Structure formats: structure tokens, C-alpha cells
Amino acid sequence: MRTDDALVALAALAHPTRLAAFRLLVQHEPGGLSTGQLAEDFGLTQSTFSTHLAVLVKAGLIMSEKRGRQMIQRANISAL
């Protein structure tokens, strides 16, 4: 991993909610969790939680995939 990429990833994980979400997604590999389930688990609205997810996606730490009507979030293990 390049230094710049590592710094972006570490900055994304510096927030307690994002770190906890990433750890939870790692535990739920390879199936992932829906955005709604994650937001519910953390007691946040979907829009608030989506902001945190966007930071993790931009850092390359998680991937989103559409399954039916749900967005499933998965940890990008290879980014580590």
C-alpha cells in the first residue's frame, strides 16, 4: 500500500463510528450487511450513516453492491 493510500485509509478509520462499522463489516465477510441494517445497529439515520460509508468507500476500505432493492456493504479485505 502506498503511503498516500495508507494515510487516507487511516484518516477514514480515525472516526469511532467508521472504525466500528468497518470492524463489523470485516466480521460479516463475505456476505456483508445492508446499509439499513448498519444504520439501525448504530442508531443513526440512513442519511447520516451513508455519509460515514461514503468516506470509507472513498478510502477504498469498503465496497457497495446492489442486491435487489438493498445496498450491501462489504469490507474490502484486499485494501488492507
C-alpha atoms as a PDB file:
ATOM      1  CA  MET A   1       0.000   0.000   0.000  1.00  0.00           C
ATOM      2  CA  ARG A   2       1.324   3.400  -0.927  1.00  0.00           C
ATOM      3  CA  THR A   3       1.850   5.941   1.832  1.00  0.00           C
ATOM      4  CA  ASP A   4      -0.828   8.286   0.458  1.00  0.00           C
ATOM      5  CA  ASP A   5      -3.391   5.472   0.327  1.00  0.00           C
ATOM      6  CA  ALA A   6      -2.493   4.374   3.857  1.00  0.00           C
ATOM      7  CA  LEU A   7      -2.951   7.914   5.172  1.00  0.00           C
ATOM      8  CA  VAL A   8      -6.391   8.212   3.552  1.00  0.00           C
ATOM      9  CA  ALA A   9      -7.445   4.837   4.977  1.00  0.00           C
ATOM     10  CA  LEU A  10      -6.175   5.656   8.456  1.00  0.00           C
ATOM     11  CA  ALA A  11      -7.895   9.063   8.390  1.00  0.00           C
ATOM     12  CA  ALA A  12     -11.175   7.364   7.419  1.00  0.00           C
ATOM     13  CA  LEU A  13     -10.831   4.947  10.327  1.00  0.00           C
ATOM     14  CA  ALA A  14      -9.985   7.715  12.800  1.00  0.00           C
ATOM     15  CA  HIS A  15     -13.687   8.328  13.487  1.00  0.00           C
ATOM     16  CA  PRO A  16     -15.183   5.925  16.083  1.00  0.00           C
ATOM     17  CA  THR A  17     -18.346   5.201  14.069  1.00  0.00           C
ATOM     18  CA  ARG A  18     -16.435   4.458  10.879  1.00  0.00           C
ATOM     19  CA  LEU A  19     -13.932   2.243  12.704  1.00  0.00           C
ATOM     20  CA  ALA A  20     -16.733   0.302  14.392  1.00  0.00           C
ATOM     21  CA  ALA A  21     -18.612  -0.056  11.083  1.00  0.00           C
ATOM     22  CA  PHE A  22     -15.511  -1.327   9.304  1.00  0.00           C
ATOM     23  CA  ARG A  23     -14.816  -3.833  12.075  1.00  0.00           C
ATOM     24  CA  LEU A  24     -18.419  -5.044  11.911  1.00  0.00           C
ATOM     25  CA  LEU A  25     -18.223  -5.460   8.142  1.00  0.00           C
ATOM     26  CA  VAL A  26     -14.979  -7.444   8.467  1.00  0.00           C
ATOM     27  CA  GLN A  27     -16.787  -9.771  10.871  1.00  0.00           C
ATOM     28  CA  HIS A  28     -19.623 -10.236   8.356  1.00  0.00           C
ATOM     29  CA  GLU A  29     -17.464 -11.160   5.392  1.00  0.00           C
ATOM     30  CA  PRO A  30     -18.101 -12.439   2.818  1.00  0.00           C
ATOM     31  CA  GLY A  31     -21.831 -11.657   2.918  1.00  0.00           C
ATOM     32  CA  GLY A  32     -21.724  -8.062   4.095  1.00  0.00           C
ATOM     33  CA  LEU A  33     -24.591  -6.095   5.619  1.00  0.00           C
ATOM     34  CA  SER A  34     -27.229  -3.809   4.186  1.00  0.00           C
ATOM     35  CA  THR A  35     -26.930  -0.078   4.716  1.00  0.00           C
ATOM     36  CA  GLY A  36     -30.232  -0.134   6.582  1.00  0.00           C
ATOM     37  CA  GLN A  37     -29.040  -2.834   8.970  1.00  0.00           C
ATOM     38  CA  LEU A  38     -25.806  -0.955   9.650  1.00  0.00           C
ATOM     39  CA  ALA A  39     -27.641   2.308  10.314  1.00  0.00           C
ATOM     40  CA  GLU A  40     -30.030   0.511  12.657  1.00  0.00           C
ATOM     41  CA  ASP A  41     -27.187  -1.217  14.518  1.00  0.00           C
ATOM     42  CA  PHE A  42     -25.547   2.160  15.143  1.00  0.00           C
ATOM     43  CA  GLY A  43     -28.773   4.005  15.925  1.00  0.00           C
ATOM     44  CA  LEU A  44     -28.271   6.513  13.121  1.00  0.00           C
ATOM     45  CA  THR A  45     -30.473   7.622  10.257  1.00  0.00           C
ATOM     46  CA  GLN A  46     -29.631   6.136   6.883  1.00  0.00           C
ATOM     47  CA  SER A  47     -28.609   9.529   5.519  1.00  0.00           C
ATOM     48  CA  THR A  48     -26.217  10.171   8.417  1.00  0.00           C
ATOM     49  CA  PHE A  49     -24.747   6.701   8.174  1.00  0.00           C
ATOM     50  CA  SER A  50     -24.414   6.992   4.390  1.00  0.00           C
ATOM     51  CA  THR A  51     -22.100   9.956   4.946  1.00  0.00           C
ATOM     52  CA  HIS A  52     -19.795   7.740   7.007  1.00  0.00           C
ATOM     53  CA  LEU A  53     -19.976   4.990   4.385  1.00  0.00           C
ATOM     54  CA  ALA A  54     -19.024   7.439   1.642  1.00  0.00           C
ATOM     55  CA  VAL A  55     -15.779   8.242   3.487  1.00  0.00           C
ATOM     56  CA  LEU A  56     -14.968   4.536   3.801  1.00  0.00           C
ATOM     57  CA  VAL A  57     -15.768   3.917   0.120  1.00  0.00           C
ATOM     58  CA  LYS A  58     -13.591   6.848  -0.961  1.00  0.00           C
ATOM     59  CA  ALA A  59     -10.740   5.417   1.138  1.00  0.00           C
ATOM     60  CA  GLY A  60     -11.195   2.071  -0.628  1.00  0.00           C
ATOM     61  CA  LEU A  61     -11.999   0.241   2.611  1.00  0.00           C
ATOM     62  CA  ILE A  62     -15.491  -0.908   1.706  1.00  0.00           C
ATOM     63  CA  MET A  63     -17.397  -1.789  -1.438  1.00  0.00           C
ATOM     64  CA  SER A  64     -21.081  -1.346  -2.143  1.00  0.00           C
ATOM     65  CA  GLU A  65     -23.151  -3.667  -4.297  1.00  0.00           C
ATOM     66  CA  LYS A  66     -26.817  -3.593  -5.135  1.00  0.00           C
ATOM     67  CA  ARG A  67     -28.800  -6.749  -4.301  1.00  0.00           C
ATOM     68  CA  GLY A  68     -32.396  -6.339  -5.277  1.00  0.00           C
ATOM     69  CA  ARG A  69     -33.611  -3.200  -3.535  1.00  0.00           C
ATOM     70  CA  GLN A  70     -30.840  -3.148  -0.944  1.00  0.00           C
ATOM     71  CA  MET A  71     -27.329  -1.764  -0.977  1.00  0.00           C
ATOM     72  CA  ILE A  72     -24.980  -4.272   0.603  1.00  0.00           C
ATOM     73  CA  GLN A  73     -21.760  -3.015   2.154  1.00  0.00           C
ATOM     74  CA  ARG A  74     -18.709  -5.276   2.272  1.00  0.00           C
ATOM     75  CA  ALA A  75     -15.232  -4.796   3.686  1.00  0.00           C
ATOM     76  CA  ASN A  76     -12.519  -4.570   1.049  1.00  0.00           C
ATOM     77  CA  ILE A  77     -10.119  -7.000   2.702  1.00  0.00           C
ATOM     78  CA  SER A  78      -7.595  -6.686  -0.110  1.00  0.00           C
ATOM     79  CA  ALA A  79      -7.198  -2.973   0.699  1.00  0.00           C
ATOM     80  CA  LEU A  80      -5.565  -3.927   3.958  1.00  0.00           C
END
